Amino acid sequence: MRVGIDHPDAQRLIAEVQAEYVVRYGGPDETPLDPSMFLDPAGAFFVGYLGEAPVVTGAWRRRHDVEALGTTETAEIKRMYVASVARNRGLARVMLRHLEQTASVAGAVATILETGLRQPEAIALYESSGYQSIASFGYYRDAPLSRCFGKLLTG
């Protein structure tokens, strides 16, 4: 379901992913994010549910300032997360496809993302979904644990 980043379920899942970053990296993701980045047409934020429980989140924001795979018509994927109680059910892959599809409909030619070496399951998901390594960008572009990926969208 498309929601605002300030929606209580979105905020709950964001808090969970930030806590996971603290465990894996020693601190939260400090990338500056303005909530307006996720409002139509600049972006979108989604929460997925199992029954009534919010368990998966994902968002994208347009990034005309990042060139990847031969285009600046990019959408950056942010806040991909699956709650621990819902993992290993394919929900991250479903959310990723949904983000790609909605970004493509909004005019993105490629999706880009930044993740880290201490998230091997995320890297495996992205690589198995057709993402390839791209030049570093973003807040953590010079961080040794940061890795950036991109994928051309087919429409």
N, C-alpha and C. Protein backbone atom coordinates (compact mmCIF):
# COMPACT_ATOMS: atom_id res chain seq x y z
N MET A 1 0.84 -1.17 0.00
CA MET A 1 0.00 0.00 0.00
C MET A 1 0.90 1.24 0.00
N ARG A 2 0.54 2.19 -0.86
CA ARG A 2 1.29 3.45 -0.89
C ARG A 2 0.88 4.29 0.32
N VAL A 3 1.89 4.76 1.05
CA VAL A 3 1.65 5.58 2.24
C VAL A 3 2.66 6.72 2.25
N GLY A 4 2.43 7.69 3.09
CA GLY A 4 3.43 8.72 3.33
C GLY A 4 4.51 8.18 4.25
N ILE A 5 5.70 8.74 4.14
CA ILE A 5 6.80 8.29 4.99
C ILE A 5 6.49 8.55 6.47
N ASP A 6 5.55 9.44 6.73
CA ASP A 6 5.17 9.74 8.12
C ASP A 6 4.06 8.82 8.64
N HIS A 7 3.57 7.91 7.83
CA HIS A 7 2.54 6.96 8.27
C HIS A 7 3.09 6.13 9.43
N PRO A 8 2.27 5.85 10.46
CA PRO A 8 2.78 5.10 11.62
C PRO A 8 3.42 3.75 11.28
N ASP A 9 2.85 3.03 10.32
CA ASP A 9 3.44 1.73 9.96
C ASP A 9 4.79 1.93 9.27
N ALA A 10 4.90 2.95 8.43
CA ALA A 10 6.18 3.26 7.79
C ALA A 10 7.21 3.63 8.85
N GLN A 11 6.83 4.46 9.79
CA GLN A 11 7.75 4.89 10.83
C GLN A 11 8.21 3.73 11.70
N ARG A 12 7.30 2.80 11.98
CA ARG A 12 7.67 1.63 12.78
C ARG A 12 8.72 0.79 12.06
N LEU A 13 8.51 0.53 10.76
CA LEU A 13 9.46 -0.28 10.00
C LEU A 13 10.77 0.47 9.78
N ILE A 14 10.72 1.77 9.59
CA ILE A 14 11.95 2.56 9.48
C ILE A 14 12.76 2.47 10.77
N ALA A 15 12.08 2.54 11.90
CA ALA A 15 12.78 2.40 13.19
C ALA A 15 13.44 1.02 13.30
N GLU A 16 12.76 -0.02 12.81
CA GLU A 16 13.34 -1.36 12.86
C GLU A 16 14.58 -1.47 11.97
N VAL A 17 14.51 -0.92 10.75
CA VAL A 17 15.67 -1.02 9.87
C VAL A 17 16.82 -0.18 10.42
N GLN A 18 16.52 0.94 11.02
CA GLN A 18 17.58 1.76 11.62
C GLN A 18 18.25 1.00 12.77
N ALA A 19 17.46 0.27 13.56
CA ALA A 19 18.04 -0.54 14.65
C ALA A 19 18.93 -1.64 14.07
N GLU A 20 18.52 -2.20 12.94
CA GLU A 20 19.35 -3.22 12.28
C GLU A 20 20.67 -2.62 11.80
N TYR A 21 20.63 -1.40 11.26
CA TYR A 21 21.87 -0.74 10.84
C TYR A 21 22.80 -0.51 12.02
N VAL A 22 22.24 -0.18 13.18
CA VAL A 22 23.07 0.02 14.37
C VAL A 22 23.80 -1.27 14.72
N VAL A 23 23.09 -2.40 14.65
CA VAL A 23 23.72 -3.70 14.94
C VAL A 23 24.79 -4.02 13.91
N ARG A 24 24.49 -3.81 12.63
CA ARG A 24 25.42 -4.22 11.57
C ARG A 24 26.57 -3.24 11.35
N TYR A 25 26.30 -1.93 11.52
CA TYR A 25 27.30 -0.92 11.18
C TYR A 25 27.72 -0.03 12.34
N GLY A 26 27.07 -0.17 13.48
CA GLY A 26 27.43 0.65 14.63
C GLY A 26 26.72 1.99 14.70
N GLY A 27 25.80 2.25 13.77
CA GLY A 27 25.04 3.50 13.78
C GLY A 27 23.94 3.46 12.73
N PRO A 28 22.97 4.36 12.84
CA PRO A 28 21.87 4.38 11.87
C PRO A 28 22.32 4.97 10.53
N ASP A 29 21.48 4.81 9.52
CA ASP A 29 21.70 5.45 8.23
C ASP A 29 21.44 6.94 8.43
N GLU A 30 22.44 7.75 8.14
CA GLU A 30 22.33 9.20 8.36
C GLU A 30 22.11 9.97 7.06
N THR A 31 21.76 9.27 5.98
CA THR A 31 21.48 9.94 4.72
C THR A 31 20.38 10.98 4.94
N PRO A 32 20.62 12.24 4.57
CA PRO A 32 19.57 13.25 4.72
C PRO A 32 18.39 12.94 3.80
N LEU A 33 17.21 12.81 4.38
CA LEU A 33 16.00 12.54 3.61
C LEU A 33 14.92 13.53 4.00
N ASP A 34 14.37 14.20 3.01
CA ASP A 34 13.24 15.09 3.19
C ASP A 34 11.99 14.29 2.83
N PRO A 35 10.96 14.28 3.67
CA PRO A 35 9.75 13.52 3.35
C PRO A 35 9.15 13.85 1.98
N SER A 36 9.35 15.06 1.50
CA SER A 36 8.79 15.44 0.20
C SER A 36 9.44 14.67 -0.95
N MET A 37 10.62 14.07 -0.70
CA MET A 37 11.28 13.26 -1.73
C MET A 37 10.46 12.05 -2.12
N PHE A 38 9.53 11.64 -1.27
CA PHE A 38 8.74 10.44 -1.50
C PHE A 38 7.29 10.75 -1.86
N LEU A 39 7.03 12.01 -2.23
CA LEU A 39 5.69 12.39 -2.68
C LEU A 39 5.64 12.39 -4.20
N ASP A 40 4.50 11.99 -4.74
CA ASP A 40 4.30 12.00 -6.18
C ASP A 40 4.46 13.40 -6.73
N PRO A 41 5.19 13.62 -7.78
CA PRO A 41 5.82 12.67 -8.70
C PRO A 41 7.30 12.41 -8.41
N ALA A 42 7.81 12.96 -7.31
CA ALA A 42 9.24 12.84 -7.01
C ALA A 42 9.61 11.47 -6.46
N GLY A 43 8.64 10.73 -5.95
CA GLY A 43 8.94 9.44 -5.35
C GLY A 43 7.69 8.77 -4.82
N ALA A 44 7.91 7.67 -4.13
CA ALA A 44 6.80 6.91 -3.55
C ALA A 44 7.33 6.07 -2.39
N PHE A 45 6.47 5.83 -1.43
CA PHE A 45 6.81 5.02 -0.26
C PHE A 45 5.71 3.98 -0.08
N PHE A 46 6.11 2.73 0.16
CA PHE A 46 5.15 1.64 0.25
C PHE A 46 5.38 0.81 1.50
N VAL A 47 4.29 0.28 2.05
CA VAL A 47 4.33 -0.68 3.15
C VAL A 47 3.51 -1.89 2.73
N GLY A 48 4.07 -3.07 2.95
CA GLY A 48 3.36 -4.32 2.68
C GLY A 48 2.97 -4.99 3.98
N TYR A 49 1.88 -5.73 3.93
CA TYR A 49 1.29 -6.32 5.13
C TYR A 49 1.12 -7.83 4.98
N LEU A 50 1.23 -8.53 6.08
CA LEU A 50 0.78 -9.91 6.21
C LEU A 50 -0.39 -9.84 7.17
N GLY A 51 -1.59 -10.04 6.66
CA GLY A 51 -2.77 -9.79 7.46
C GLY A 51 -2.82 -8.32 7.81
N GLU A 52 -2.88 -8.01 9.08
CA GLU A 52 -2.92 -6.62 9.54
C GLU A 52 -1.53 -6.07 9.88
N ALA A 53 -0.54 -6.96 9.90
CA ALA A 53 0.79 -6.57 10.38
C ALA A 53 1.65 -5.98 9.26
N PRO A 54 2.19 -4.77 9.47
CA PRO A 54 3.14 -4.21 8.51
C PRO A 54 4.47 -4.95 8.61
N VAL A 55 4.95 -5.51 7.48
CA VAL A 55 6.14 -6.34 7.56
C VAL A 55 7.20 -6.01 6.51
N VAL A 56 6.88 -5.23 5.50
CA VAL A 56 7.86 -4.93 4.46
C VAL A 56 7.68 -3.49 4.01
N THR A 57 8.79 -2.85 3.74
CA THR A 57 8.74 -1.48 3.28
C THR A 57 9.74 -1.28 2.15
N GLY A 58 9.46 -0.29 1.36
CA GLY A 58 10.36 0.09 0.28
C GLY A 58 9.90 1.42 -0.29
N ALA A 59 10.85 2.15 -0.85
CA ALA A 59 10.54 3.47 -1.40
C ALA A 59 11.48 3.75 -2.56
N TRP A 60 11.14 4.75 -3.35
CA TRP A 60 12.05 5.26 -4.36
C TRP A 60 11.88 6.76 -4.45
N ARG A 61 12.97 7.40 -4.89
CA ARG A 61 12.95 8.84 -5.13
C ARG A 61 13.72 9.11 -6.41
N ARG A 62 13.23 10.05 -7.21
CA ARG A 62 13.90 10.38 -8.46
C ARG A 62 15.25 11.02 -8.16
N ARG A 63 16.25 10.68 -8.99
CA ARG A 63 17.61 11.20 -8.83
C ARG A 63 18.14 11.60 -10.19
N HIS A 64 17.79 12.77 -10.68
CA HIS A 64 18.30 13.25 -11.95
C HIS A 64 19.77 13.64 -11.86
N ASP A 65 20.30 13.69 -10.64
CA ASP A 65 21.69 14.09 -10.43
C ASP A 65 22.66 12.91 -10.42
N VAL A 66 22.17 11.70 -10.59
CA VAL A 66 23.03 10.52 -10.59
C VAL A 66 22.92 9.85 -11.96
N GLU A 67 24.06 9.75 -12.64
CA GLU A 67 24.10 9.03 -13.91
C GLU A 67 24.53 7.60 -13.66
N ALA A 68 23.76 6.69 -14.20
CA ALA A 68 24.09 5.27 -14.07
C ALA A 68 23.57 4.54 -15.30
N LEU A 69 24.36 3.64 -15.80
CA LEU A 69 23.96 2.80 -16.92
C LEU A 69 23.51 3.62 -18.12
N GLY A 70 24.16 4.78 -18.30
CA GLY A 70 23.92 5.62 -19.47
C GLY A 70 22.74 6.56 -19.39
N THR A 71 22.17 6.75 -18.19
CA THR A 71 21.01 7.64 -18.06
C THR A 71 21.05 8.41 -16.74
N THR A 72 20.44 9.58 -16.75
CA THR A 72 20.21 10.32 -15.51
C THR A 72 18.74 10.26 -15.11
N GLU A 73 17.95 9.50 -15.86
CA GLU A 73 16.54 9.29 -15.51
C GLU A 73 16.47 8.11 -14.54
N THR A 74 17.00 8.35 -13.33
CA THR A 74 17.12 7.28 -12.35
C THR A 74 16.18 7.49 -11.18
N ALA A 75 15.86 6.38 -10.54
CA ALA A 75 15.10 6.38 -9.28
C ALA A 75 15.92 5.58 -8.28
N GLU A 76 16.18 6.20 -7.14
CA GLU A 76 16.97 5.55 -6.09
C GLU A 76 16.04 4.80 -5.14
N ILE A 77 16.32 3.52 -4.96
CA ILE A 77 15.56 2.71 -4.02
C ILE A 77 16.09 2.96 -2.62
N LYS A 78 15.14 3.20 -1.71
CA LYS A 78 15.48 3.49 -0.31
C LYS A 78 14.59 2.64 0.60
N ARG A 79 15.06 2.45 1.80
CA ARG A 79 14.29 1.85 2.90
C ARG A 79 13.68 0.50 2.59
N MET A 80 14.40 -0.31 1.82
CA MET A 80 13.98 -1.70 1.61
C MET A 80 14.22 -2.45 2.92
N TYR A 81 13.18 -3.07 3.43
CA TYR A 81 13.32 -3.78 4.70
C TYR A 81 12.19 -4.78 4.85
N VAL A 82 12.52 -5.95 5.38
CA VAL A 82 11.53 -6.95 5.75
C VAL A 82 11.71 -7.26 7.22
N ALA A 83 10.64 -7.17 7.98
CA ALA A 83 10.69 -7.48 9.41
C ALA A 83 11.14 -8.92 9.61
N SER A 84 11.86 -9.17 10.70
CA SER A 84 12.44 -10.50 10.94
C SER A 84 11.38 -11.59 10.95
N VAL A 85 10.18 -11.30 11.42
CA VAL A 85 9.13 -12.32 11.50
C VAL A 85 8.58 -12.72 10.14
N ALA A 86 8.91 -11.95 9.10
CA ALA A 86 8.36 -12.22 7.77
C ALA A 86 9.44 -12.56 6.73
N ARG A 87 10.64 -12.80 7.16
CA ARG A 87 11.72 -13.07 6.21
C ARG A 87 11.61 -14.48 5.61
N ASN A 88 12.31 -14.66 4.50
CA ASN A 88 12.36 -15.94 3.79
C ASN A 88 11.01 -16.35 3.20
N ARG A 89 10.21 -15.35 2.82
CA ARG A 89 8.92 -15.60 2.16
C ARG A 89 8.86 -14.95 0.78
N GLY A 90 9.97 -14.36 0.34
CA GLY A 90 9.99 -13.72 -0.97
C GLY A 90 9.43 -12.31 -0.99
N LEU A 91 9.17 -11.74 0.17
CA LEU A 91 8.55 -10.41 0.23
C LEU A 91 9.48 -9.31 -0.25
N ALA A 92 10.77 -9.44 0.00
CA ALA A 92 11.71 -8.41 -0.47
C ALA A 92 11.73 -8.38 -2.00
N ARG A 93 11.70 -9.55 -2.62
CA ARG A 93 11.70 -9.62 -4.08
C ARG A 93 10.41 -9.03 -4.65
N VAL A 94 9.29 -9.31 -4.00
CA VAL A 94 8.01 -8.74 -4.44
C VAL A 94 8.04 -7.22 -4.33
N MET A 95 8.55 -6.71 -3.21
CA MET A 95 8.62 -5.26 -3.03
C MET A 95 9.58 -4.64 -4.05
N LEU A 96 10.70 -5.27 -4.28
CA LEU A 96 11.66 -4.75 -5.24
C LEU A 96 11.03 -4.64 -6.63
N ARG A 97 10.33 -5.68 -7.06
CA ARG A 97 9.66 -5.63 -8.37
C ARG A 97 8.62 -4.51 -8.40
N HIS A 98 7.90 -4.34 -7.31
CA HIS A 98 6.89 -3.28 -7.24
C HIS A 98 7.54 -1.90 -7.34
N LEU A 99 8.65 -1.71 -6.66
CA LEU A 99 9.36 -0.44 -6.73
C LEU A 99 9.85 -0.17 -8.15
N GLU A 100 10.41 -1.19 -8.78
CA GLU A 100 10.88 -1.04 -10.15
C GLU A 100 9.73 -0.66 -11.09
N GLN A 101 8.61 -1.34 -10.94
CA GLN A 101 7.46 -1.10 -11.81
C GLN A 101 6.91 0.31 -11.63
N THR A 102 6.73 0.73 -10.38
CA THR A 102 6.15 2.06 -10.14
C THR A 102 7.12 3.16 -10.54
N ALA A 103 8.41 2.94 -10.36
CA ALA A 103 9.41 3.93 -10.79
C ALA A 103 9.42 4.04 -12.31
N SER A 104 9.30 2.91 -12.98
CA SER A 104 9.27 2.91 -14.44
C SER A 104 8.04 3.67 -14.96
N VAL A 105 6.89 3.41 -14.37
CA VAL A 105 5.67 4.12 -14.77
C VAL A 105 5.83 5.62 -14.57
N ALA A 106 6.59 6.00 -13.55
CA ALA A 106 6.82 7.42 -13.26
C ALA A 106 7.91 8.04 -14.14
N GLY A 107 8.50 7.24 -15.04
CA GLY A 107 9.46 7.78 -15.99
C GLY A 107 10.91 7.42 -15.77
N ALA A 108 11.21 6.64 -14.75
CA ALA A 108 12.60 6.25 -14.52
C ALA A 108 13.03 5.23 -15.58
N VAL A 109 14.25 5.37 -16.04
CA VAL A 109 14.83 4.44 -17.01
C VAL A 109 15.67 3.39 -16.28
N ALA A 110 16.17 3.75 -15.11
CA ALA A 110 16.99 2.82 -14.32
C ALA A 110 16.72 3.04 -12.84
N THR A 111 16.87 1.98 -12.08
CA THR A 111 16.86 2.11 -10.62
C THR A 111 18.28 1.97 -10.13
N ILE A 112 18.58 2.69 -9.07
CA ILE A 112 19.90 2.66 -8.44
C ILE A 112 19.69 2.48 -6.95
N LEU A 113 20.71 2.01 -6.27
CA LEU A 113 20.61 1.85 -4.83
C LEU A 113 21.99 1.77 -4.22
N GLU A 114 22.00 2.00 -2.94
CA GLU A 114 23.22 1.91 -2.15
C GLU A 114 22.94 0.95 -1.00
N THR A 115 23.85 0.00 -0.79
CA THR A 115 23.73 -0.93 0.32
C THR A 115 25.13 -1.12 0.91
N GLY A 116 25.27 -2.08 1.80
CA GLY A 116 26.57 -2.25 2.44
C GLY A 116 27.01 -3.69 2.50
N LEU A 117 28.30 -3.88 2.66
CA LEU A 117 28.88 -5.22 2.70
C LEU A 117 28.37 -6.06 3.86
N ARG A 118 27.86 -5.42 4.90
CA ARG A 118 27.35 -6.18 6.05
C ARG A 118 25.88 -6.56 5.87
N GLN A 119 25.41 -6.46 4.63
CA GLN A 119 24.05 -6.89 4.27
C GLN A 119 24.15 -7.85 3.08
N PRO A 120 24.81 -8.98 3.28
CA PRO A 120 25.02 -9.90 2.15
C PRO A 120 23.73 -10.43 1.55
N GLU A 121 22.68 -10.57 2.36
CA GLU A 121 21.41 -11.04 1.82
C GLU A 121 20.80 -10.00 0.88
N ALA A 122 20.99 -8.72 1.16
CA ALA A 122 20.50 -7.67 0.27
C ALA A 122 21.29 -7.68 -1.03
N ILE A 123 22.59 -7.80 -0.94
CA ILE A 123 23.42 -7.84 -2.15
C ILE A 123 23.03 -9.04 -3.01
N ALA A 124 22.80 -10.20 -2.39
CA ALA A 124 22.39 -11.39 -3.14
C ALA A 124 21.04 -11.16 -3.83
N LEU A 125 20.11 -10.52 -3.14
CA LEU A 125 18.80 -10.21 -3.75
C LEU A 125 18.98 -9.32 -4.97
N TYR A 126 19.74 -8.25 -4.82
CA TYR A 126 19.90 -7.31 -5.93
C TYR A 126 20.61 -7.97 -7.10
N GLU A 127 21.68 -8.69 -6.85
CA GLU A 127 22.41 -9.32 -7.95
C GLU A 127 21.54 -10.36 -8.65
N SER A 128 20.77 -11.13 -7.90
CA SER A 128 19.90 -12.15 -8.51
C SER A 128 18.70 -11.53 -9.21
N SER A 129 18.48 -10.24 -8.99
CA SER A 129 17.38 -9.51 -9.64
C SER A 129 17.87 -8.68 -10.82
N GLY A 130 19.12 -8.87 -11.22
CA GLY A 130 19.64 -8.21 -12.40
C GLY A 130 20.39 -6.92 -12.15
N TYR A 131 20.68 -6.60 -10.90
CA TYR A 131 21.44 -5.38 -10.60
C TYR A 131 22.92 -5.63 -10.82
N GLN A 132 23.60 -4.59 -11.26
CA GLN A 132 25.04 -4.66 -11.45
C GLN A 132 25.73 -3.53 -10.70
N SER A 133 26.96 -3.73 -10.39
CA SER A 133 27.74 -2.72 -9.67
C SER A 133 27.85 -1.46 -10.52
N ILE A 134 27.68 -0.30 -9.87
CA ILE A 134 27.82 0.99 -10.54
C ILE A 134 28.74 1.88 -9.69
N ALA A 135 29.11 3.02 -10.25
CA ALA A 135 29.96 3.96 -9.51
C ALA A 135 29.26 4.41 -8.24
N SER A 136 30.04 4.61 -7.20
CA SER A 136 29.49 5.05 -5.92
C SER A 136 28.84 6.42 -6.05
N PHE A 137 27.76 6.60 -5.30
CA PHE A 137 27.06 7.87 -5.25
C PHE A 137 26.46 8.00 -3.86
N GLY A 138 25.93 9.15 -3.57
CA GLY A 138 25.17 9.32 -2.34
C GLY A 138 26.01 9.67 -1.13
N TYR A 139 25.33 9.71 -0.02
CA TYR A 139 25.90 10.14 1.25
C TYR A 139 27.11 9.30 1.65
N TYR A 140 27.07 8.00 1.37
CA TYR A 140 28.14 7.09 1.79
C TYR A 140 29.08 6.73 0.63
N ARG A 141 29.14 7.55 -0.41
CA ARG A 141 29.92 7.21 -1.61
C ARG A 141 31.38 6.89 -1.30
N ASP A 142 31.95 7.47 -0.25
CA ASP A 142 33.35 7.21 0.08
C ASP A 142 33.53 6.22 1.24
N ALA A 143 32.44 5.66 1.73
CA ALA A 143 32.52 4.72 2.85
C ALA A 143 33.03 3.36 2.34
N PRO A 144 34.00 2.77 3.01
CA PRO A 144 34.58 1.52 2.52
C PRO A 144 33.60 0.35 2.48
N LEU A 145 32.55 0.37 3.29
CA LEU A 145 31.59 -0.74 3.31
C LEU A 145 30.43 -0.53 2.34
N SER A 146 30.35 0.62 1.72
CA SER A 146 29.24 0.95 0.82
C SER A 146 29.44 0.32 -0.56
N ARG A 147 28.33 -0.17 -1.12
CA ARG A 147 28.32 -0.68 -2.49
C ARG A 147 27.07 -0.15 -3.19
N CYS A 148 27.23 0.23 -4.45
CA CYS A 148 26.12 0.79 -5.23
C CYS A 148 25.82 -0.11 -6.42
N PHE A 149 24.54 -0.22 -6.73
CA PHE A 149 24.06 -1.08 -7.80
C PHE A 149 23.03 -0.33 -8.64
N GLY A 150 22.86 -0.79 -9.87
CA GLY A 150 21.86 -0.22 -10.76
C GLY A 150 21.30 -1.26 -11.69
N LYS A 151 20.13 -0.93 -12.24
CA LYS A 151 19.45 -1.85 -13.17
C LYS A 151 18.65 -1.02 -14.17
N LEU A 152 18.82 -1.31 -15.45
CA LEU A 152 17.97 -0.69 -16.46
C LEU A 152 16.59 -1.33 -16.37
N LEU A 153 15.56 -0.48 -16.46
CA LEU A 153 14.19 -0.96 -16.40
C LEU A 153 13.68 -1.18 -17.82
N THR A 154 12.81 -2.15 -17.97
CA THR A 154 12.32 -2.49 -19.29
C THR A 154 10.97 -1.88 -19.60
N GLY A 155 10.37 -1.21 -18.62
CA GLY A 155 9.08 -0.56 -18.88
C GLY A 155 7.92 -1.24 -18.27
